[in-house]
Amino acid sequence: MYNLAGEKIIFNSVFSINNMPFLRFHAIEKDKLARVGERLISGIVSTLGCPRETVVLEVMNSSFVSGDDHLQAYPFVKVEYFKRPVEQQDALAKIIFECLKEAGYPDSDVYFSFLEKERYYENGEVIKDYKMEIEKAVIFLQILPLFSIIIIKFVHSIKCNDYDGSK
């Protein structure tokens, strides 16, 4: 996958479902989008807290047909990502709208579609949210000393009661 500048996008080896918004632009010229691309990507990164290299802007070559009539294309953006709070979604829609307005599209629509990690595959395997796994491991390591104390107290209570196994 490549960004608007033609540079290859390299994804982090540690995947997190907080990465990767895919933005697919319909009825929008690549050159016009490129003029606001830096501002748009910076706004996305700032709003979502995702790594810059995971933001994908794709210009779709769309044709709109209605019977014999040629339709005037209406600019819209489909955003695909793992669901986030509605406040982030609202902010992202506003950023996209403002950037498109600056690029010469005073009217546009933004549509959000949510990916599900159980249905997203990389290299033939369901993705793992390593960030979530790391967070679980940290919580486990934080409560591990508590379990150790409980076990020590339990063993100590058995010894203090002179438990001989005959009762």
Foldseek 3Di string as FASTA:
>chain_A
DAALVRHDQDDDPQDALLFAKEKEKELDDSVLCVVCVVVLLVQLCVLSVYDSSRYHYHYDPDADDDPPDGDNDAIEMEIEGADDDVVSVVSNQVSVQVSVVVSPRPDYYYHYDYDDQQPDDDPRHRDDRVVVVVVVVVVCVVCVVVVVVVVVVVVVVCVVVVDPPPD
